[in-house]
């Protein structure tokens, strides 16, 4: 679920920034592109962190099943 929300949020923010470039002209080109890159890199970080947490939970469940207390 987090990945879906992440993709939707990144897409919406990127579209708003592209719209701001279209409406404001070339004056906003460099800052908006920098913000788009930042948003996409942040989305990638959230995606990777979510994958790591899911892998960790899976490993913990397997370990708990193999080593009952």
PDB file of N, CA and C in Angstrom:
ATOM      1  N   UNK A   1       0.827  -1.198   0.000  1.00  0.00           N
ATOM      2  CA  UNK A   1       0.000   0.000   0.000  1.00  0.00           C
ATOM      3  C   UNK A   1       0.871   1.262   0.000  1.00  0.00           C
ATOM      4  N   UNK A   2       1.970   1.201   0.735  1.00  0.00           N
ATOM      5  CA  UNK A   2       2.843   2.379   0.798  1.00  0.00           C
ATOM      6  C   UNK A   2       3.436   2.695  -0.575  1.00  0.00           C
ATOM      7  N   UNK A   3       3.759   1.659  -1.346  1.00  0.00           N
ATOM      8  CA  UNK A   3       4.325   1.902  -2.668  1.00  0.00           C
ATOM      9  C   UNK A   3       3.309   2.549  -3.599  1.00  0.00           C
ATOM     10  N   UNK A   4       2.062   2.138  -3.507  1.00  0.00           N
ATOM     11  CA  UNK A   4       1.022   2.734  -4.343  1.00  0.00           C
ATOM     12  C   UNK A   4       0.842   4.207  -4.003  1.00  0.00           C
ATOM     13  N   UNK A   5       0.757   4.509  -2.732  1.00  0.00           N
ATOM     14  CA  UNK A   5       0.615   5.903  -2.296  1.00  0.00           C
ATOM     15  C   UNK A   5       1.836   6.707  -2.710  1.00  0.00           C
ATOM     16  N   UNK A   6       2.997   6.108  -2.590  1.00  0.00           N
ATOM     17  CA  UNK A   6       4.241   6.772  -2.971  1.00  0.00           C
ATOM     18  C   UNK A   6       4.240   7.118  -4.454  1.00  0.00           C
ATOM     19  N   UNK A   7       3.875   6.169  -5.311  1.00  0.00           N
ATOM     20  CA  UNK A   7       3.855   6.419  -6.749  1.00  0.00           C
ATOM     21  C   UNK A   7       2.837   7.496  -7.108  1.00  0.00           C
ATOM     22  N   UNK A   8       1.664   7.442  -6.490  1.00  0.00           N
ATOM     23  CA  UNK A   8       0.626   8.438  -6.784  1.00  0.00           C
ATOM     24  C   UNK A   8       1.078   9.826  -6.352  1.00  0.00           C
ATOM     25  N   UNK A   9       1.660   9.932  -5.165  1.00  0.00           N
ATOM     26  CA  UNK A   9       2.109  11.235  -4.661  1.00  0.00           C
ATOM     27  C   UNK A   9       3.231  11.801  -5.524  1.00  0.00           C
ATOM     28  N   UNK A  10       4.184  10.965  -5.902  1.00  0.00           N
ATOM     29  CA  UNK A  10       5.279  11.437  -6.762  1.00  0.00           C
ATOM     30  C   UNK A  10       4.754  11.901  -8.118  1.00  0.00           C
ATOM     31  N   UNK A  11       3.803  11.179  -8.662  1.00  0.00           N
ATOM     32  CA  UNK A  11       3.236  11.549  -9.956  1.00  0.00           C
ATOM     33  C   UNK A  11       2.500  12.875  -9.875  1.00  0.00           C
ATOM     34  N   UNK A  12       1.705  13.056  -8.840  1.00  0.00           N
ATOM     35  CA  UNK A  12       0.944  14.303  -8.689  1.00  0.00           C
ATOM     36  C   UNK A  12       1.876  15.495  -8.515  1.00  0.00           C
ATOM     37  N   UNK A  13       2.875  15.355  -7.659  1.00  0.00           N
ATOM     38  CA  UNK A  13       3.810  16.468  -7.436  1.00  0.00           C
ATOM     39  C   UNK A  13       4.584  16.773  -8.716  1.00  0.00           C
ATOM     40  N   UNK A  14       5.012  15.736  -9.425  1.00  0.00           N
ATOM     41  CA  UNK A  14       5.740  15.948 -10.677  1.00  0.00           C
ATOM     42  C   UNK A  14       4.859  16.650 -11.705  1.00  0.00           C
ATOM     43  N   UNK A  15       3.603  16.252 -11.794  1.00  0.00           N
ATOM     44  CA  UNK A  15       2.690  16.913 -12.736  1.00  0.00           C
ATOM     45  C   UNK A  15       2.469  18.379 -12.370  1.00  0.00           C
ATOM     46  N   UNK A  16       2.346  18.680 -11.076  1.00  0.00           N
ATOM     47  CA  UNK A  16       2.200  20.078 -10.657  1.00  0.00           C
ATOM     48  C   UNK A  16       3.437  20.890 -11.026  1.00  0.00           C
ATOM     49  N   UNK A  17       4.607  20.296 -10.851  1.00  0.00           N
ATOM     50  CA  UNK A  17       5.837  21.013 -11.194  1.00  0.00           C
ATOM     51  C   UNK A  17       5.965  21.207 -12.700  1.00  0.00           C
ATOM     52  N   UNK A  18       5.578  20.206 -13.483  1.00  0.00           N
ATOM     53  CA  UNK A  18       5.596  20.373 -14.936  1.00  0.00           C
ATOM     54  C   UNK A  18       4.596  21.434 -15.375  1.00  0.00           C
ATOM     55  N   UNK A  19       3.442  21.482 -14.715  1.00  0.00           N
ATOM     56  CA  UNK A  19       2.449  22.513 -15.007  1.00  0.00           C
ATOM     57  C   UNK A  19       2.996  23.897 -14.668  1.00  0.00           C
ATOM     58  N   UNK A  20       3.722  23.997 -13.564  1.00  0.00           N
ATOM     59  CA  UNK A  20       4.301  25.295 -13.199  1.00  0.00           C
ATOM     60  C   UNK A  20       5.344  25.732 -14.225  1.00  0.00           C
ATOM     61  N   UNK A  21       6.099  24.780 -14.782  1.00  0.00           N
ATOM     62  CA  UNK A  21       7.055  25.129 -15.844  1.00  0.00           C
ATOM     63  C   UNK A  21       6.292  25.641 -17.073  1.00  0.00           C
ATOM     64  N   UNK A  22       5.212  24.961 -17.417  1.00  0.00           N
ATOM     65  CA  UNK A  22       4.443  25.354 -18.598  1.00  0.00           C
ATOM     66  C   UNK A  22       3.807  26.729 -18.419  1.00  0.00           C
ATOM     67  N   UNK A  23       3.323  27.017 -17.224  1.00  0.00           N
ATOM     68  CA  UNK A  23       2.633  28.285 -16.995  1.00  0.00           C
ATOM     69  C   UNK A  23       3.589  29.454 -16.777  1.00  0.00           C
ATOM     70  N   UNK A  24       4.703  29.205 -16.104  1.00  0.00           N
ATOM     71  CA  UNK A  24       5.612  30.300 -15.775  1.00  0.00           C
ATOM     72  C   UNK A  24       6.682  30.516 -16.832  1.00  0.00           C
ATOM     73  N   UNK A  25       6.866  29.538 -17.677  1.00  0.00           N
ATOM     74  CA  UNK A  25       7.866  29.701 -18.718  1.00  0.00           C
ATOM     75  C   UNK A  25       9.242  29.249 -18.275  1.00  0.00           C
ATOM     76  N   UNK A  26      10.252  29.664 -18.997  1.00  0.00           N
ATOM     77  CA  UNK A  26      11.609  29.163 -18.738  1.00  0.00           C
ATOM     78  C   UNK A  26      12.232  29.682 -17.439  1.00  0.00           C
ATOM     79  N   UNK A  27      11.610  30.658 -16.802  1.00  0.00           N
ATOM     80  CA  UNK A  27      12.194  31.185 -15.566  1.00  0.00           C
ATOM     81  C   UNK A  27      12.199  30.143 -14.462  1.00  0.00           C
ATOM     82  N   UNK A  28      11.225  29.250 -14.466  1.00  0.00           N
ATOM     83  CA  UNK A  28      11.140  28.218 -13.430  1.00  0.00           C
ATOM     84  C   UNK A  28      11.748  26.893 -13.857  1.00  0.00           C
ATOM     85  N   UNK A  29      12.370  26.837 -15.005  1.00  0.00           N
ATOM     86  CA  UNK A  29      12.840  25.565 -15.527  1.00  0.00           C
ATOM     87  C   UNK A  29      13.850  24.890 -14.608  1.00  0.00           C
ATOM     88  N   UNK A  30      14.906  25.580 -14.227  1.00  0.00           N
ATOM     89  CA  UNK A  30      15.949  24.969 -13.403  1.00  0.00           C
ATOM     90  C   UNK A  30      15.447  24.585 -12.006  1.00  0.00           C
ATOM     91  N   UNK A  31      14.766  25.474 -11.269  1.00  0.00           N
ATOM     92  CA  UNK A  31      14.285  25.064  -9.942  1.00  0.00           C
ATOM     93  C   UNK A  31      13.254  23.942  -9.991  1.00  0.00           C
ATOM     94  N   UNK A  32      12.357  23.982 -10.968  1.00  0.00           N
ATOM     95  CA  UNK A  32      11.330  22.948 -11.048  1.00  0.00           C
ATOM     96  C   UNK A  32      11.933  21.600 -11.420  1.00  0.00           C
ATOM     97  N   UNK A  33      12.908  21.591 -12.314  1.00  0.00           N
ATOM     98  CA  UNK A  33      13.565  20.334 -12.666  1.00  0.00           C
ATOM     99  C   UNK A  33      14.315  19.788 -11.462  1.00  0.00           C
ATOM    100  N   UNK A  34      14.969  20.660 -10.706  1.00  0.00           N
ATOM    101  CA  UNK A  34      15.666  20.218  -9.494  1.00  0.00           C
ATOM    102  C   UNK A  34      14.681  19.636  -8.488  1.00  0.00           C
ATOM    103  N   UNK A  35      13.517  20.250  -8.348  1.00  0.00           N
ATOM    104  CA  UNK A  35      12.507  19.726  -7.429  1.00  0.00           C
ATOM    105  C   UNK A  35      11.942  18.399  -7.922  1.00  0.00           C
ATOM    106  N   UNK A  36      11.760  18.261  -9.232  1.00  0.00           N
ATOM    107  CA  UNK A  36      11.264  16.999  -9.789  1.00  0.00           C
ATOM    108  C   UNK A  36      12.258  15.881  -9.502  1.00  0.00           C
ATOM    109  N   UNK A  37      13.533  16.152  -9.725  1.00  0.00           N
ATOM    110  CA  UNK A  37      14.560  15.150  -9.448  1.00  0.00           C
ATOM    111  C   UNK A  37      14.569  14.791  -7.963  1.00  0.00           C
ATOM    112  N   UNK A  38      14.436  15.788  -7.105  1.00  0.00           N
ATOM    113  CA  UNK A  38      14.407  15.540  -5.662  1.00  0.00           C
ATOM    114  C   UNK A  38      13.209  14.683  -5.269  1.00  0.00           C
ATOM    115  N   UNK A  39      12.055  14.972  -5.837  1.00  0.00           N
ATOM    116  CA  UNK A  39      10.845  14.195  -5.536  1.00  0.00           C
ATOM    117  C   UNK A  39      11.012  12.751  -5.988  1.00  0.00           C
ATOM    118  N   UNK A  40      11.554  12.558  -7.180  1.00  0.00           N
ATOM    119  CA  UNK A  40      11.710  11.200  -7.695  1.00  0.00           C
ATOM    120  C   UNK A  40      12.757  10.410  -6.911  1.00  0.00           C
ATOM    121  N   UNK A  41      13.842  11.055  -6.508  1.00  0.00           N
ATOM    122  CA  UNK A  41      14.846  10.371  -5.683  1.00  0.00           C
ATOM    123  C   UNK A  41      14.268  10.051  -4.307  1.00  0.00           C
ATOM    124  N   UNK A  42      13.494  10.962  -3.747  1.00  0.00           N
ATOM    125  CA  UNK A  42      12.828  10.698  -2.465  1.00  0.00           C
ATOM    126  C   UNK A  42      11.848   9.544  -2.575  1.00  0.00           C
ATOM    127  N   UNK A  43      11.105   9.496  -3.670  1.00  0.00           N
ATOM    128  CA  UNK A  43      10.183   8.380  -3.895  1.00  0.00           C
ATOM    129  C   UNK A  43      10.917   7.066  -4.013  1.00  0.00           C
ATOM    130  N   UNK A  44      12.074   7.079  -4.674  1.00  0.00           N
ATOM    131  CA  UNK A  44      12.887   5.870  -4.783  1.00  0.00           C
ATOM    132  C   UNK A  44      13.378   5.421  -3.407  1.00  0.00           C
ATOM    133  N   UNK A  45      13.780   6.376  -2.572  1.00  0.00           N
ATOM    134  CA  UNK A  45      14.233   6.040  -1.218  1.00  0.00           C
ATOM    135  C   UNK A  45      13.107   5.414  -0.393  1.00  0.00           C
ATOM    136  N   UNK A  46      11.907   5.966  -0.495  1.00  0.00           N
ATOM    137  CA  UNK A  46      10.768   5.404   0.226  1.00  0.00           C
ATOM    138  C   UNK A  46      10.454   4.006  -0.293  1.00  0.00           C
ATOM    139  N   UNK A  47      10.546   3.808  -1.600  1.00  0.00           N
ATOM    140  CA  UNK A  47      10.294   2.496  -2.210  1.00  0.00           C
ATOM    141  C   UNK A  47      11.296   1.465  -1.694  1.00  0.00           C
ATOM    142  N   UNK A  48      12.570   1.827  -1.668  1.00  0.00           N
ATOM    143  CA  UNK A  48      13.615   0.906  -1.196  1.00  0.00           C
ATOM    144  C   UNK A  48      13.439   0.621   0.292  1.00  0.00           C
ATOM    145  N   UNK A  49      13.155   1.650   1.080  1.00  0.00           N
ATOM    146  CA  UNK A  49      12.966   1.452   2.520  1.00  0.00           C
ATOM    147  C   UNK A  49      11.773   0.541   2.794  1.00  0.00           C
ATOM    148  N   UNK A  50      10.703   0.689   2.042  1.00  0.00           N
ATOM    149  CA  UNK A  50       9.539  -0.172   2.212  1.00  0.00           C
ATOM    150  C   UNK A  50       9.889  -1.622   1.868  1.00  0.00           C
ATOM    151  N   UNK A  51      10.640  -1.819   0.814  1.00  0.00           N
ATOM    152  CA  UNK A  51      11.077  -3.166   0.454  1.00  0.00           C
ATOM    153  C   UNK A  51      11.952  -3.793   1.518  1.00  0.00           C
ATOM    154  N   UNK A  52      12.837  -2.998   2.106  1.00  0.00           N
ATOM    155  CA  UNK A  52      13.689  -3.506   3.182  1.00  0.00           C
ATOM    156  C   UNK A  52      12.873  -3.904   4.409  1.00  0.00           C
ATOM    157  N   UNK A  53      11.891  -3.095   4.742  1.00  0.00           N
ATOM    158  CA  UNK A  53      11.049  -3.415   5.897  1.00  0.00           C
ATOM    159  C   UNK A  53      10.219  -4.671   5.651  1.00  0.00           C
ATOM    160  N   UNK A  54       9.710  -4.828   4.440  1.00  0.00           N
ATOM    161  CA  UNK A  54       8.950  -6.035   4.128  1.00  0.00           C
ATOM    162  C   UNK A  54       9.847  -7.268   4.179  1.00  0.00           C
ATOM    163  N   UNK A  55      11.067  -7.157   3.671  1.00  0.00           N
ATOM    164  CA  UNK A  55      12.005  -8.282   3.730  1.00  0.00           C
ATOM    165  C   UNK A  55      12.359  -8.621   5.166  1.00  0.00           C
ATOM    166  N   UNK A  56      12.547  -7.594   5.981  1.00  0.00           N
ATOM    167  CA  UNK A  56      12.877  -7.798   7.397  1.00  0.00           C
ATOM    168  C   UNK A  56      11.751  -8.516   8.115  1.00  0.00           C
ATOM    169  N   UNK A  57      10.511  -8.103   7.853  1.00  0.00           N
ATOM    170  CA  UNK A  57       9.367  -8.757   8.491  1.00  0.00           C
ATOM    171  C   UNK A  57       9.255 -10.216   8.068  1.00  0.00           C
ATOM    172  N   UNK A  58       9.505 -10.485   6.803  1.00  0.00           N
ATOM    173  CA  UNK A  58       9.455 -11.855   6.303  1.00  0.00           C
ATOM    174  C   UNK A  58      10.527 -12.717   6.976  1.00  0.00           C
ATOM    175  N   UNK A  59      11.734 -12.186   7.088  1.00  0.00           N
ATOM    176  CA  UNK A  59      12.831 -12.925   7.724  1.00  0.00           C
ATOM    177  C   UNK A  59      12.528 -13.163   9.199  1.00  0.00           C
ATOM    178  N   UNK A  60      11.979 -12.159   9.866  1.00  0.00           N
ATOM    179  CA  UNK A  60      11.620 -12.326  11.278  1.00  0.00           C
ATOM    180  C   UNK A  60      10.568 -13.412  11.468  1.00  0.00           C
ATOM    181  N   UNK A  61       9.561 -13.456  10.603  1.00  0.00           N
ATOM    182  CA  UNK A  61       8.518 -14.474  10.711  1.00  0.00           C
ATOM    183  C   UNK A  61       9.093 -15.867  10.465  1.00  0.00           C
ATOM    184  N   UNK A  62       9.980 -15.999   9.477  1.00  0.00           N
ATOM    185  CA  UNK A  62      10.617 -17.290   9.226  1.00  0.00           C
ATOM    186  C   UNK A  62      11.470 -17.724  10.407  1.00  0.00           C
ATOM    187  N   UNK A  63      12.191 -16.774  11.002  1.00  0.00           N
ATOM    188  CA  UNK A  63      13.042 -17.105  12.139  1.00  0.00           C
ATOM    189  C   UNK A  63      12.196 -17.522  13.345  1.00  0.00           C
ATOM    190  N   UNK A  64      11.102 -16.821  13.572  1.00  0.00           N
ATOM    191  CA  UNK A  64      10.193 -17.159  14.675  1.00  0.00           C
ATOM    192  C   UNK A  64       9.614 -18.561  14.479  1.00  0.00           C
ATOM    193  N   UNK A  65       9.288 -18.904  13.223  1.00  0.00           N
ATOM    194  CA  UNK A  65       8.733 -20.241  12.965  1.00  0.00           C
ATOM    195  C   UNK A  65       9.782 -21.340  13.170  1.00  0.00           C
ATOM    196  N   UNK A  66      11.021 -21.049  12.823  1.00  0.00           N
ATOM    197  CA  UNK A  66      12.099 -22.040  12.958  1.00  0.00           C
ATOM    198  C   UNK A  66      12.622 -22.151  14.386  1.00  0.00           C
ATOM    199  N   UNK A  67      12.484 -21.092  15.156  1.00  0.00           N
ATOM    200  CA  UNK A  67      13.040 -21.066  16.515  1.00  0.00           C
ATOM    201  C   UNK A  67      11.970 -20.683  17.535  1.00  0.00           C
ATOM    202  N   UNK A  68      11.059 -21.591  17.864  1.00  0.00           N
ATOM    203  CA  UNK A  68      10.032 -21.250  18.866  1.00  0.00           C
ATOM    204  C   UNK A  68      10.663 -21.119  20.254  1.00  0.00           C
ATOM    205  N   UNK A  69      10.098 -20.262  21.028  1.00  0.00           N
ATOM    206  CA  UNK A  69      10.661 -20.011  22.374  1.00  0.00           C
ATOM    207  C   UNK A  69      10.051 -20.923  23.400  1.00  0.00           C
TER     208      UNK A  69
END
